[in-house]
Each structure stands twice: as C-alpha cells, then as structure tokens.
Amino acid sequence: LIGTVSYLPPELVTSGRADARSDVYSAGVVLFELITGQKPHTGETPIQVAYAHVHNDVPAPSSRTTAGPVPPYLDALMARVTARDPNLRPPDAKVMLTMVRRVRAALRDGVSEDTELTQELSLPGRSHPNDVRRTPSDPTDYEVTQLVGSMPPPIRQLPDQEHSNPTVLDAPPPAVPRQAHQLSPDRLAEQRNRAARSRRRGWLALLLVLLLTTIAALAGWYYTEGRFTTAPELTTLTQSRAAEVAHGAGLDVVFEPEFSESISKGVVISTSPGPGEKIASGGRIAAKLSKGAERYSMPRVVGLPATEAEAALVKANLGLGRVKTDYSETVAKALVVKASVATGAQLKKQSLVYLTVSAGPKPIKIRNYENKSAADATSALQKAGFRVTVTAQNSSSVPAGLVISQTPDRGEGKANDTITLRRSLGPVMVTVPNVRSMGVKAATTVMRQAGFKVKTRPVLVNYLGLGYVAYSKPSASSSAPLGSTITLYTV
C-alpha cells in the first residue's frame, strides 16, 4: 500500500484496489483541506489515519471553523465526493468537476441556500448532507424501535478517536424513541469475530505497507544510484579515440555530425550526458562530431522576381536582408536589379543578403502645351525625354502656329514615350465674291454659298432706300476666313 495516508480512499486500505472513484475521494479530501485548513482525519500513527478513512465519514465543512459560512450545498458536495462507498461517489473526475463548477457558480452568485442543488448533490437516502449514514454493522440496526424516554442515546466514540478531531460518526444517531434490545449470544459472538477479523486485516495491511516501503526504498536506490556510472571525458578527442575511451568504460557511443566554427572537422564537440554525469551502466553516450565550418553558396538571384529570389535564398540556408526599390530603364518592374553578395560566394548559415528590386523606368511628368507655341512645345517635350509627333490642320479658333491639342496631355510617362501635337494652320481663307449693284437678297445668297455669314447696313451718305449693294467689307476679291461675317452696305 503506497500513498499519502491523509488522502487514502477506504477501498485502497481494505482491498488494495483503486479506480477513478478513488481519485475522486482523494480530490475531495484536498477540497476539504482547502475549505477548512485542516485534514478530515488525524491520528497518532499512519495506520490510525488510514482506518479512520475506512470507518469514519469525512465531516461536513460547516462543522469546522472556516473563513465564512458554509452553505448546505457545499456540505452536500463534500459528502458526495468523499462517500466511503465508491458506488455513491461521482464515477470519475469529469463528473466531479461538473459538480464543483455548479457549486462555484452558486457561491459566486452569493446563494446561501439552494434546496434543489443540495438535493441533487446529497447522497442517496439522505434528506440533508449532514445526516449520518449508518452502516449495517451499527448495533442499533438490530434493535426494535419502542417508546422510551426523551433522553437521546449517549454519543459513540471509537477508542482511536479520543484525541482526534470529531467526524460525522461522532454525532448522536437520529433521535428516534426506542428501547435497547438485548442481543442474543450468537449475535454477540458474530460481532466479536468481525472485530477480530478487522484487527487481523489491520496488522496484515501494516505489514504489507512496511514490506512495500522497503521494496520501494531498495528499488529507488537502484534506479537512482546503484545502476549508474559516470560518463568519461570525450570532448576534443577524434572519433576513433572517443570510441575507444567509451568502450573502455563499458559504454556505447553514437556520433552525430554537426557543424562547428571553432572545432576542427572529425573532433568531438560535446557529449550527452556530459563528462562526470550519471549514465546507466552499459548505456549509450550521444556525441556531437564536428563537420567543420558551415558554409553555403550564394545562388543567382539577379533578374528573378523578388518572391523567387527570396525562395532561392531560403533554400540555400541564407537570410533575406533589407529590400529596396530603384528605377531602372533596362530591368522590368518587380525583378531583382542587384544583390549585395556576388553569385557563388561562400557564406555562413542565415547570412543576410540585401536586394535591390526594379521599380521600372523612372516616370516623367507630362505638361500640357495646348494654345502654346508648337515649336516651343516640341522642344520642351523632347528635352524631357519624350518622342514628339506633330501634325497640322486648319482651325478657326486657334491661331496659326499654336498647339490645337496634345495626346496625352497630362499624367506621367516614361522615356521614349510618344506624344502627338496638332499644330494650327489658322482658319481656311476664302475669296470674297463681288456683289456690287446686286439686290440685297441675291447678294446675301451669293455670300452664304461662298461660306460667309452676312449682315446689311445702309451707306452713311446718299442713302436712297433702293435695296442695292453699293460695296462690301471685307471688299470684293479680298480673302476672309471661312465662316466669318461679311457686311453689305446698301443704297
């Protein structure tokens, strides 16, 4: 029987067998100790405490001095999880945890009385968690209930409990009026035999505990000291010499290659266990054997997309340092322009490599030159790095030599992009027809057919109102812009 006696479940003492319900009992004792600050059972010897678990119920926490009042449902929980009969306890710790959480929730809400929760947690057959559960061995179970005086029976007390804390069984039985019945000799003999068997089981249990303790002590010595030796010093030895020393000490050795910046190739770097540490006789030492300095070759990354370049560095056991972007007229956008380390260089593991990634050609701002000199616009755009294409056409609204339109006329471009300018040739010029001496109506028709607009005015001197054209402005046979207005002066 191995265990801390203050937390032993009754069935482990009586039968040596335990299951999940036994753990529930021990956890219940810990819960009692957390609530009251005391252990439920005490005694002068461990065997007394162990048998107190067998014969006495764990008392209700409310029967002890606590930091605050103990509600009935907490007493009910304690009685349920520490029931001496394993069948009355929760089947496992998961069920117990559910009960504890319900009680904790009630305590957190300040509930001082919850009849429903108390009844759910109470042991079967109890109307209140502090009710005494009598065992069939109680002599009063064999007595006939009869009417007697009002004095309750005296309090029973076990011999080993004279100096221990009171338990539930120390309380008087229910005050049921009855008169004691004289037991028969056979029944008294049977009770004495049961008591003798119980004492014999106690001595056997004590002897078993002592025997198991001795065996455990011997086993503990063997597993902690007796079966061990010390590991020899193998560091700085060559592989062959280290194997020779280990075998001479009755130990096996296995070598694991590892890079080292300071230890030469083929020499032991370290061992596990280390020199002088304990190791089981005939055991195996794990030795790190130097492979020399760890170096990796720089891969080619220039011209790769940035993501592929990073993957190539990771694959080569190198690290990616700072990545910056820069304009490039020759390398496409998002491709690596240059790296801080040349391709093929030998580097330490996780050495950082810095990359420059192309942002594409440098952008050039496009200025708008509409209604400005076409010659000046062409010169300025070419100087900025653009190619310029110029076309010419007549315009009635833009004077000759100025820019009618520009494509594109805003935004950004890059070197050698083409910008198209439309240069004005001025308006289309048309010869003014000669309509002198014509009637106003006929003259107007002629002018409109030539592409002009017409308005009429009387001559300033000698106006007779005859309705004939004397002259026009602009004058006949001169040139005027197509669509312009010709004024006819009439007599």
Protein backbone atom coordinates (compact mmCIF):
# COMPACT_ATOMS: atom_id res chain seq x y z
CA LEU A 1 0.00 0.00 0.00
CA ILE A 2 1.75 3.16 -1.23
CA GLY A 3 0.27 6.63 -0.85
CA THR A 4 -0.11 9.69 1.37
CA VAL A 5 -2.14 8.37 4.28
CA SER A 6 -4.22 11.55 4.77
CA TYR A 7 -5.70 11.13 1.26
CA LEU A 8 -6.12 7.34 1.00
CA PRO A 9 -9.56 6.19 -0.17
CA PRO A 10 -11.15 3.47 2.06
CA GLU A 11 -11.18 0.78 -0.67
CA LEU A 12 -7.42 1.11 -1.19
CA VAL A 13 -6.88 0.33 2.50
CA THR A 14 -9.30 -2.59 2.68
CA SER A 15 -8.82 -4.27 -0.71
CA GLY A 16 -5.74 -2.69 -2.27
CA ARG A 17 -7.75 -1.88 -5.41
CA ALA A 18 -8.46 1.59 -6.77
CA ASP A 19 -10.15 3.17 -9.79
CA ALA A 20 -11.29 6.61 -10.96
CA ARG A 21 -13.65 6.91 -7.98
CA SER A 22 -10.65 6.57 -5.66
CA ASP A 23 -9.12 9.67 -7.25
CA VAL A 24 -12.44 11.47 -6.67
CA TYR A 25 -12.22 10.64 -2.93
CA SER A 26 -8.63 11.92 -2.67
CA ALA A 27 -9.56 15.11 -4.56
CA GLY A 28 -12.48 15.54 -2.14
CA VAL A 29 -10.11 15.37 0.84
CA VAL A 30 -7.95 18.06 -0.81
CA LEU A 31 -11.11 20.17 -1.29
CA PHE A 32 -11.98 19.72 2.41
CA GLU A 33 -8.48 20.85 3.37
CA LEU A 34 -8.74 23.91 1.10
CA ILE A 35 -12.07 24.92 2.69
CA THR A 36 -11.24 24.29 6.37
CA GLY A 37 -7.45 24.46 6.51
CA GLN A 38 -7.48 21.05 8.29
CA LYS A 39 -7.30 17.39 7.32
CA PRO A 40 -10.55 15.47 7.93
CA HIS A 41 -8.89 12.59 9.85
CA THR A 42 -5.90 12.61 12.17
CA GLY A 43 -4.21 10.03 14.37
CA GLU A 44 -1.05 9.22 16.28
CA THR A 45 0.07 6.68 13.68
CA PRO A 46 -0.46 6.36 9.91
CA ILE A 47 -2.49 3.16 10.41
CA GLN A 48 -4.92 5.04 12.67
CA VAL A 49 -5.44 7.68 10.00
CA ALA A 50 -5.86 5.01 7.30
CA TYR A 51 -8.52 3.18 9.31
CA ALA A 52 -10.27 6.45 10.13
CA HIS A 53 -10.85 6.76 6.36
CA VAL A 54 -12.39 3.24 6.44
CA HIS A 55 -14.64 3.67 9.49
CA ASN A 56 -15.41 7.39 9.68
CA ASP A 57 -17.13 9.74 7.23
CA VAL A 58 -15.39 12.96 6.26
CA PRO A 59 -17.11 15.62 8.41
CA ALA A 60 -19.12 18.42 6.87
CA PRO A 61 -17.02 21.59 6.34
CA SER A 62 -19.70 23.57 8.21
CA SER A 63 -18.77 21.61 11.37
CA ARG A 64 -15.29 23.16 11.31
CA THR A 65 -14.15 26.74 11.74
CA THR A 66 -13.92 28.37 8.29
CA ALA A 67 -13.35 31.85 6.91
CA GLY A 68 -17.05 32.26 6.25
CA PRO A 69 -20.41 30.46 6.41
CA VAL A 70 -20.59 27.14 4.53
CA PRO A 71 -23.89 26.68 2.62
CA PRO A 72 -25.67 23.28 2.73
CA TYR A 73 -24.98 22.53 -0.94
CA LEU A 74 -21.21 22.72 -0.24
CA ASP A 75 -21.64 20.23 2.62
CA ALA A 76 -23.64 18.03 0.22
CA LEU A 77 -20.87 18.16 -2.39
CA MET A 78 -18.26 17.18 0.23
CA ALA A 79 -20.36 14.26 1.48
CA ARG A 80 -20.92 13.03 -2.09
CA VAL A 81 -17.32 13.07 -3.29
CA THR A 82 -15.92 11.57 -0.03
CA ALA A 83 -18.52 8.85 0.44
CA ARG A 84 -16.86 5.73 1.89
CA ASP A 85 -18.83 3.57 -0.55
CA PRO A 86 -17.26 4.10 -4.00
CA ASN A 87 -20.64 3.42 -5.66
CA LEU A 88 -22.05 6.58 -4.03
CA ARG A 89 -19.31 8.87 -5.39
CA PRO A 90 -19.20 10.50 -8.85
CA PRO A 91 -17.92 7.87 -11.33
CA ASP A 92 -14.91 9.97 -12.38
CA ALA A 93 -13.22 13.35 -12.03
CA LYS A 94 -15.10 14.80 -15.03
CA VAL A 95 -18.45 14.37 -13.25
CA MET A 96 -16.93 15.75 -10.04
CA LEU A 97 -15.65 18.79 -11.95
CA THR A 98 -19.18 19.48 -13.22
CA MET A 99 -20.49 19.36 -9.62
CA VAL A 100 -17.70 21.64 -8.35
CA ARG A 101 -18.40 24.18 -11.11
CA ARG A 102 -22.10 24.27 -10.21
CA VAL A 103 -21.24 24.89 -6.56
CA ARG A 104 -18.67 27.53 -7.51
CA ALA A 105 -21.27 29.33 -9.65
CA ALA A 106 -23.73 29.36 -6.73
CA LEU A 107 -21.04 30.68 -4.35
CA ARG A 108 -20.03 33.36 -6.87
CA ASP A 109 -23.70 34.48 -7.11
CA GLY A 110 -23.92 34.73 -3.31
CA VAL A 111 -26.54 31.95 -2.99
CA SER A 112 -26.72 30.88 0.65
CA GLU A 113 -29.48 28.27 0.25
CA ASP A 114 -30.31 26.23 -2.88
CA THR A 115 -32.58 23.32 -1.92
CA GLU A 116 -32.64 21.83 -5.42
CA LEU A 117 -28.84 21.86 -5.76
CA THR A 118 -28.44 20.45 -2.25
CA GLN A 119 -30.82 17.57 -3.02
CA GLU A 120 -29.05 16.80 -6.33
CA LEU A 121 -25.65 16.64 -4.65
CA SER A 122 -26.77 14.78 -1.49
CA LEU A 123 -26.02 11.10 -1.07
CA PRO A 124 -28.92 8.77 -1.95
CA GLY A 125 -31.08 8.16 1.11
CA ARG A 126 -30.10 11.40 2.89
CA SER A 127 -32.52 14.30 3.36
CA HIS A 128 -29.66 16.61 4.33
CA PRO A 129 -25.91 16.43 3.70
CA ASN A 130 -25.20 16.38 7.47
CA ASP A 131 -27.42 13.35 8.10
CA VAL A 132 -25.43 10.34 9.37
CA ARG A 133 -25.18 7.34 7.05
CA ARG A 134 -25.13 4.29 9.35
CA THR A 135 -23.54 1.07 8.24
CA PRO A 136 -25.21 -2.31 8.72
CA SER A 137 -22.64 -3.09 11.42
CA ASP A 138 -24.18 -0.45 13.72
CA PRO A 139 -25.72 -2.40 16.63
CA THR A 140 -28.77 -0.14 16.64
CA ASP A 141 -29.73 -1.62 13.27
CA TYR A 142 -30.69 -4.77 15.11
CA GLU A 143 -32.79 -3.08 17.80
CA VAL A 144 -36.57 -2.79 17.84
CA THR A 145 -37.92 0.75 17.92
CA GLN A 146 -40.03 1.25 21.05
CA LEU A 147 -41.29 4.18 23.03
CA VAL A 148 -38.74 5.34 25.62
CA GLY A 149 -37.92 8.49 27.48
CA SER A 150 -36.84 11.70 25.73
CA MET A 151 -33.11 11.38 26.61
CA PRO A 152 -31.07 10.62 23.48
CA PRO A 153 -28.60 7.73 23.48
CA PRO A 154 -25.05 8.60 24.52
CA ILE A 155 -22.52 9.65 21.88
CA ARG A 156 -20.49 6.76 20.47
CA GLN A 157 -16.73 7.27 20.28
CA LEU A 158 -14.16 4.89 18.82
CA PRO A 159 -11.12 4.10 21.01
CA ASP A 160 -8.66 5.53 18.47
CA GLN A 161 -10.57 8.79 18.25
CA GLU A 162 -10.11 10.05 21.79
CA HIS A 163 -7.66 12.74 20.69
CA SER A 164 -8.73 13.18 17.04
CA ASN A 165 -11.00 15.73 15.51
CA PRO A 166 -14.72 14.84 15.56
CA THR A 167 -16.23 13.28 12.42
CA VAL A 168 -19.78 12.68 11.27
CA LEU A 169 -19.92 9.33 13.13
CA ASP A 170 -19.13 11.16 16.41
CA ALA A 171 -22.59 12.77 16.29
CA PRO A 172 -25.52 11.10 18.04
CA PRO A 173 -27.84 8.95 15.93
CA PRO A 174 -31.24 10.34 14.95
CA ALA A 175 -33.42 10.94 17.99
CA VAL A 176 -35.83 8.03 17.40
CA PRO A 177 -37.51 6.96 20.66
CA ARG A 178 -36.72 3.27 21.31
CA GLN A 179 -35.67 0.88 23.97
CA ALA A 180 -32.50 -1.17 23.54
CA HIS A 181 -33.00 -4.81 22.74
CA GLN A 182 -30.73 -7.39 24.38
CA LEU A 183 -28.64 -9.13 21.67
CA SER A 184 -28.51 -12.91 21.58
CA PRO A 185 -25.21 -14.69 22.42
CA ASP A 186 -24.81 -15.85 18.83
CA ARG A 187 -25.07 -12.31 17.52
CA LEU A 188 -22.60 -11.05 20.13
CA ALA A 189 -20.16 -13.80 19.11
CA GLU A 190 -20.56 -12.85 15.48
CA GLN A 191 -19.75 -9.21 16.30
CA ARG A 192 -16.63 -10.25 18.23
CA ASN A 193 -15.48 -12.40 15.30
CA ARG A 194 -15.92 -9.50 12.91
CA ALA A 195 -13.92 -7.25 15.20
CA ALA A 196 -11.12 -9.85 15.40
CA ARG A 197 -11.02 -10.23 11.64
CA SER A 198 -10.86 -6.45 11.28
CA ARG A 199 -7.86 -6.30 13.64
CA ARG A 200 -6.09 -9.08 11.75
CA ARG A 201 -6.65 -7.25 8.48
CA GLY A 202 -5.19 -4.13 10.06
CA TRP A 203 -1.98 -5.91 11.10
CA LEU A 204 -1.71 -7.55 7.69
CA ALA A 205 -2.18 -4.21 5.99
CA LEU A 206 0.51 -2.67 8.22
CA LEU A 207 2.97 -5.47 7.43
CA LEU A 208 2.16 -5.11 3.73
CA VAL A 209 2.82 -1.36 3.91
CA LEU A 210 6.18 -1.94 5.62
CA LEU A 211 7.17 -4.58 3.07
CA LEU A 212 6.21 -2.46 0.12
CA THR A 213 8.02 0.53 1.64
CA THR A 214 11.22 -1.50 1.97
CA ILE A 215 10.94 -2.76 -1.60
CA ALA A 216 10.28 0.77 -2.84
CA ALA A 217 13.33 2.09 -0.98
CA LEU A 218 15.57 -0.61 -2.49
CA ALA A 219 14.12 -0.04 -5.93
CA GLY A 220 14.56 3.72 -5.52
CA TRP A 221 18.22 3.30 -4.58
CA TYR A 222 18.84 1.04 -7.56
CA TYR A 223 17.08 3.32 -10.04
CA THR A 224 18.69 6.49 -8.67
CA GLU A 225 22.22 5.34 -7.76
CA GLY A 226 23.02 1.63 -7.95
CA ARG A 227 22.66 1.12 -11.70
CA PHE A 228 24.64 4.21 -12.73
CA THR A 229 28.26 5.00 -13.55
CA THR A 230 29.87 8.29 -14.71
CA ALA A 231 30.40 9.36 -18.31
CA PRO A 232 34.07 9.77 -19.39
CA GLU A 233 35.60 12.91 -20.97
CA LEU A 234 35.33 12.58 -24.78
CA THR A 235 35.36 16.20 -25.96
CA THR A 236 38.34 17.31 -28.15
CA LEU A 237 39.04 13.65 -28.98
CA THR A 238 38.97 12.26 -32.51
CA GLN A 239 36.14 9.92 -33.41
CA SER A 240 38.25 6.76 -33.16
CA ARG A 241 39.86 7.77 -29.85
CA ALA A 242 36.49 8.76 -28.33
CA ALA A 243 35.00 5.36 -29.29
CA GLU A 244 37.98 3.60 -27.70
CA VAL A 245 37.62 5.50 -24.40
CA ALA A 246 33.85 4.94 -24.23
CA HIS A 247 34.14 1.21 -24.85
CA GLY A 248 36.86 1.01 -22.21
CA ALA A 249 34.37 2.44 -19.69
CA GLY A 250 31.79 -0.19 -20.65
CA LEU A 251 29.66 2.28 -22.57
CA ASP A 252 28.47 2.58 -26.14
CA VAL A 253 28.80 5.80 -28.15
CA VAL A 254 26.91 7.10 -31.17
CA PHE A 255 28.21 10.03 -33.24
CA GLU A 256 26.04 12.75 -34.76
CA PRO A 257 27.72 15.08 -37.29
CA GLU A 258 27.34 18.79 -36.60
CA PHE A 259 28.88 22.00 -37.97
CA SER A 260 31.26 23.95 -35.75
CA GLU A 261 33.01 27.28 -36.28
CA SER A 262 35.68 26.54 -33.66
CA ILE A 263 36.22 22.74 -33.56
CA SER A 264 38.18 21.01 -36.33
CA LYS A 265 36.46 18.50 -38.56
CA GLY A 266 36.37 14.95 -37.09
CA VAL A 267 36.73 16.05 -33.42
CA VAL A 268 34.08 15.58 -30.71
CA ILE A 269 32.32 18.87 -29.86
CA SER A 270 30.19 17.77 -26.88
CA THR A 271 28.52 14.72 -25.34
CA SER A 272 25.26 13.89 -23.63
CA PRO A 273 25.49 13.06 -20.79
CA GLY A 274 28.48 15.32 -20.21
CA PRO A 275 31.76 14.32 -18.57
CA GLY A 276 31.25 13.16 -14.96
CA GLU A 277 27.45 12.99 -15.24
CA LYS A 278 25.49 9.85 -14.34
CA ILE A 279 24.74 7.26 -17.01
CA ALA A 280 23.34 3.74 -16.74
CA SER A 281 25.98 1.02 -16.88
CA GLY A 282 26.23 -0.22 -20.44
CA GLY A 283 24.34 2.86 -21.62
CA ARG A 284 24.91 4.94 -24.72
CA ILE A 285 26.61 8.33 -25.00
CA ALA A 286 25.46 10.70 -27.75
CA ALA A 287 28.47 12.61 -29.13
CA LYS A 288 28.40 15.64 -31.48
CA LEU A 289 31.14 15.23 -34.11
CA SER A 290 32.39 18.35 -35.90
CA LYS A 291 31.86 18.65 -39.66
CA GLY A 292 33.91 21.83 -39.72
CA ALA A 293 32.67 25.32 -40.52
CA GLU A 294 29.20 25.59 -42.05
CA ARG A 295 29.20 27.46 -45.38
CA TYR A 296 26.63 27.85 -48.17
CA SER A 297 26.94 29.09 -51.75
CA MET A 298 25.20 32.30 -52.83
CA PRO A 299 22.59 31.47 -55.54
CA ARG A 300 21.90 33.58 -58.65
CA VAL A 301 19.06 35.99 -57.90
CA VAL A 302 19.59 38.95 -60.29
CA GLY A 303 16.83 39.02 -62.91
CA LEU A 304 14.45 36.89 -60.81
CA PRO A 305 11.14 38.14 -59.39
CA ALA A 306 11.55 39.24 -55.77
CA THR A 307 9.50 36.31 -54.42
CA GLU A 308 11.56 33.75 -56.34
CA ALA A 309 14.79 35.38 -55.20
CA GLU A 310 13.69 35.12 -51.56
CA ALA A 311 12.78 31.44 -52.03
CA ALA A 312 16.22 30.77 -53.57
CA LEU A 313 17.93 32.37 -50.54
CA VAL A 314 15.85 30.32 -48.07
CA LYS A 315 16.63 27.13 -49.98
CA ALA A 316 20.35 27.98 -49.78
CA ASN A 317 20.09 28.44 -45.94
CA LEU A 318 20.62 32.19 -46.28
CA GLY A 319 18.53 35.06 -44.97
CA LEU A 320 16.85 37.93 -46.78
CA GLY A 321 18.00 41.33 -45.57
CA ARG A 322 16.60 44.74 -46.44
CA VAL A 323 14.93 45.01 -49.85
CA LYS A 324 14.87 48.40 -51.57
CA THR A 325 13.42 49.51 -54.89
CA ASP A 326 15.03 51.70 -57.55
CA TYR A 327 14.15 52.88 -61.06
CA SER A 328 15.67 51.01 -63.96
CA GLU A 329 15.41 51.77 -67.65
CA THR A 330 16.61 48.26 -68.58
CA VAL A 331 15.14 45.85 -65.97
CA ALA A 332 11.41 45.20 -65.84
CA LYS A 333 9.43 46.19 -62.78
CA ALA A 334 9.48 43.73 -59.75
CA LEU A 335 12.66 41.96 -60.93
CA VAL A 336 15.91 41.95 -58.90
CA VAL A 337 18.38 44.52 -60.24
CA LYS A 338 21.31 43.64 -57.97
CA ALA A 339 22.31 41.74 -54.78
CA SER A 340 24.76 42.69 -52.04
CA VAL A 341 26.68 39.40 -52.49
CA ALA A 342 28.10 38.02 -55.71
CA THR A 343 26.78 34.73 -57.08
CA GLY A 344 28.83 31.74 -55.83
CA ALA A 345 30.23 33.45 -52.70
CA GLN A 346 30.56 31.18 -49.62
CA LEU A 347 28.51 32.45 -46.68
CA LYS A 348 27.69 31.39 -43.12
CA LYS A 349 24.26 29.93 -42.44
CA GLN A 350 21.49 32.57 -42.37
CA SER A 351 23.83 35.33 -43.58
CA LEU A 352 21.71 38.29 -44.73
CA VAL A 353 21.65 39.21 -48.42
CA TYR A 354 20.35 42.67 -49.41
CA LEU A 355 18.44 43.04 -52.69
CA THR A 356 17.52 45.93 -54.98
CA VAL A 357 14.29 45.42 -56.94
CA SER A 358 13.38 47.36 -60.08
CA ALA A 359 10.53 49.85 -59.86
CA GLY A 360 10.53 50.10 -63.67
CA PRO A 361 11.52 53.18 -65.70
CA LYS A 362 11.51 56.50 -63.88
CA PRO A 363 8.20 58.32 -64.50
CA ILE A 364 8.25 61.70 -66.34
CA LYS A 365 5.51 64.26 -65.71
CA ILE A 366 3.62 65.29 -68.87
CA ARG A 367 2.94 69.05 -69.25
CA ASN A 368 0.05 70.40 -71.36
CA TYR A 369 1.12 72.74 -74.19
CA GLU A 370 -2.30 73.40 -75.82
CA ASN A 371 -2.70 77.01 -77.15
CA LYS A 372 1.07 77.43 -76.82
CA SER A 373 3.71 77.60 -79.50
CA ALA A 374 4.01 74.26 -81.25
CA ALA A 375 7.76 74.79 -81.79
CA ASP A 376 8.36 75.54 -78.10
CA ALA A 377 6.21 72.56 -77.05
CA THR A 378 8.13 70.20 -79.31
CA SER A 379 11.47 71.37 -77.91
CA ALA A 380 10.38 71.08 -74.26
CA LEU A 381 8.87 67.58 -74.62
CA GLN A 382 11.93 66.25 -76.43
CA LYS A 383 14.17 67.67 -73.74
CA ALA A 384 12.10 65.83 -71.09
CA GLY A 385 12.80 62.53 -72.86
CA PHE A 386 9.69 62.07 -74.97
CA ARG A 387 9.39 61.45 -78.68
CA VAL A 388 7.17 64.09 -80.37
CA THR A 389 4.98 63.69 -83.47
CA VAL A 390 3.49 66.92 -84.98
CA THR A 391 0.51 67.14 -87.35
CA ALA A 392 -1.02 70.35 -88.82
CA GLN A 393 -4.60 71.39 -89.56
CA ASN A 394 -6.71 74.50 -90.01
CA SER A 395 -8.51 75.92 -87.02
CA SER A 396 -10.92 78.78 -86.89
CA SER A 397 -10.39 79.19 -83.11
CA VAL A 398 -6.64 78.63 -82.61
CA PRO A 399 -4.18 80.98 -84.27
CA ALA A 400 -1.66 79.53 -86.69
CA GLY A 401 1.49 78.09 -85.11
CA LEU A 402 -0.12 77.23 -81.79
CA VAL A 403 -0.99 73.77 -80.46
CA ILE A 404 -4.59 72.81 -81.06
CA SER A 405 -4.44 69.54 -79.00
CA GLN A 406 -1.91 67.23 -77.29
CA THR A 407 -2.13 63.44 -76.75
CA PRO A 408 -1.58 62.54 -73.93
CA ASP A 409 -2.00 65.92 -72.32
CA ARG A 410 -1.48 65.04 -68.59
CA GLY A 411 -0.27 62.35 -66.16
CA GLU A 412 3.08 60.58 -66.30
CA GLY A 413 5.05 58.77 -68.95
CA LYS A 414 8.48 57.25 -69.34
CA ALA A 415 11.47 57.95 -71.54
CA ASN A 416 10.89 57.49 -75.29
CA ASP A 417 7.11 57.51 -74.92
CA THR A 418 5.47 59.27 -77.94
CA ILE A 419 3.41 62.47 -77.54
CA THR A 420 1.37 63.77 -80.53
CA LEU A 421 0.83 67.52 -81.13
CA ARG A 422 -1.71 69.07 -83.58
CA ARG A 423 -0.36 72.44 -84.82
CA SER A 424 -2.84 75.09 -86.07
CA LEU A 425 -2.59 76.39 -89.68
CA GLY A 426 -5.09 79.10 -88.83
CA PRO A 427 -8.55 79.38 -90.43
CA VAL A 428 -9.41 78.41 -94.10
CA MET A 429 -9.25 81.60 -96.26
CA VAL A 430 -11.95 82.20 -98.93
CA THR A 431 -12.09 84.96 -101.67
CA VAL A 432 -14.93 87.41 -101.07
CA PRO A 433 -17.34 87.44 -104.12
CA ASN A 434 -18.16 90.75 -105.97
CA VAL A 435 -21.84 91.53 -105.33
CA ARG A 436 -21.82 95.25 -106.16
CA SER A 437 -25.06 96.54 -107.76
CA MET A 438 -26.87 93.29 -106.81
CA GLY A 439 -30.05 93.30 -104.90
CA VAL A 440 -29.66 92.61 -101.20
CA LYS A 441 -31.40 89.25 -101.41
CA ALA A 442 -29.28 88.00 -104.34
CA ALA A 443 -26.05 89.26 -102.76
CA THR A 444 -26.83 87.54 -99.46
CA THR A 445 -27.38 84.23 -101.28
CA VAL A 446 -24.01 84.54 -103.07
CA MET A 447 -22.13 85.25 -99.84
CA ARG A 448 -23.69 82.36 -97.98
CA GLN A 449 -22.86 79.99 -100.81
CA ALA A 450 -19.23 81.13 -100.51
CA GLY A 451 -19.26 80.11 -96.81
CA PHE A 452 -19.75 83.50 -95.19
CA LYS A 453 -22.23 84.92 -92.76
CA VAL A 454 -23.99 88.14 -93.90
CA LYS A 455 -25.31 91.33 -92.29
CA THR A 456 -26.50 94.54 -94.04
CA ARG A 457 -26.17 98.24 -93.25
CA PRO A 458 -27.16 101.43 -95.17
CA VAL A 459 -24.43 103.65 -96.62
CA LEU A 460 -23.60 106.62 -94.49
CA VAL A 461 -24.07 109.20 -97.30
CA ASN A 462 -26.71 109.49 -100.05
CA TYR A 463 -28.86 106.54 -98.84
CA LEU A 464 -31.94 106.31 -101.16
CA GLY A 465 -33.53 103.05 -99.91
CA LEU A 466 -33.34 101.34 -103.32
CA GLY A 467 -32.14 97.93 -101.83
CA TYR A 468 -28.99 97.53 -103.95
CA VAL A 469 -25.45 96.77 -102.75
CA ALA A 470 -23.00 99.61 -103.05
CA TYR A 471 -19.95 97.75 -101.62
CA SER A 472 -18.91 95.11 -99.00
CA LYS A 473 -16.49 94.78 -96.13
CA PRO A 474 -14.14 92.95 -96.48
CA SER A 475 -14.10 94.21 -100.05
CA ALA A 476 -14.70 92.08 -103.10
CA SER A 477 -11.83 89.85 -104.30
CA SER A 478 -10.04 90.01 -100.90
CA SER A 479 -9.57 86.94 -98.68
CA ALA A 480 -11.55 86.31 -95.47
CA PRO A 481 -11.71 83.35 -93.06
CA LEU A 482 -14.29 80.75 -93.94
CA GLY A 483 -17.36 81.26 -91.78
CA SER A 484 -16.55 84.90 -90.97
CA THR A 485 -19.15 87.70 -91.37
CA ILE A 486 -19.33 89.95 -94.50
CA THR A 487 -21.10 93.31 -94.12
CA LEU A 488 -23.10 94.56 -97.20
CA TYR A 489 -23.68 98.33 -97.48
CA THR A 490 -26.85 99.26 -99.44
CA VAL A 491 -28.17 102.43 -101.18
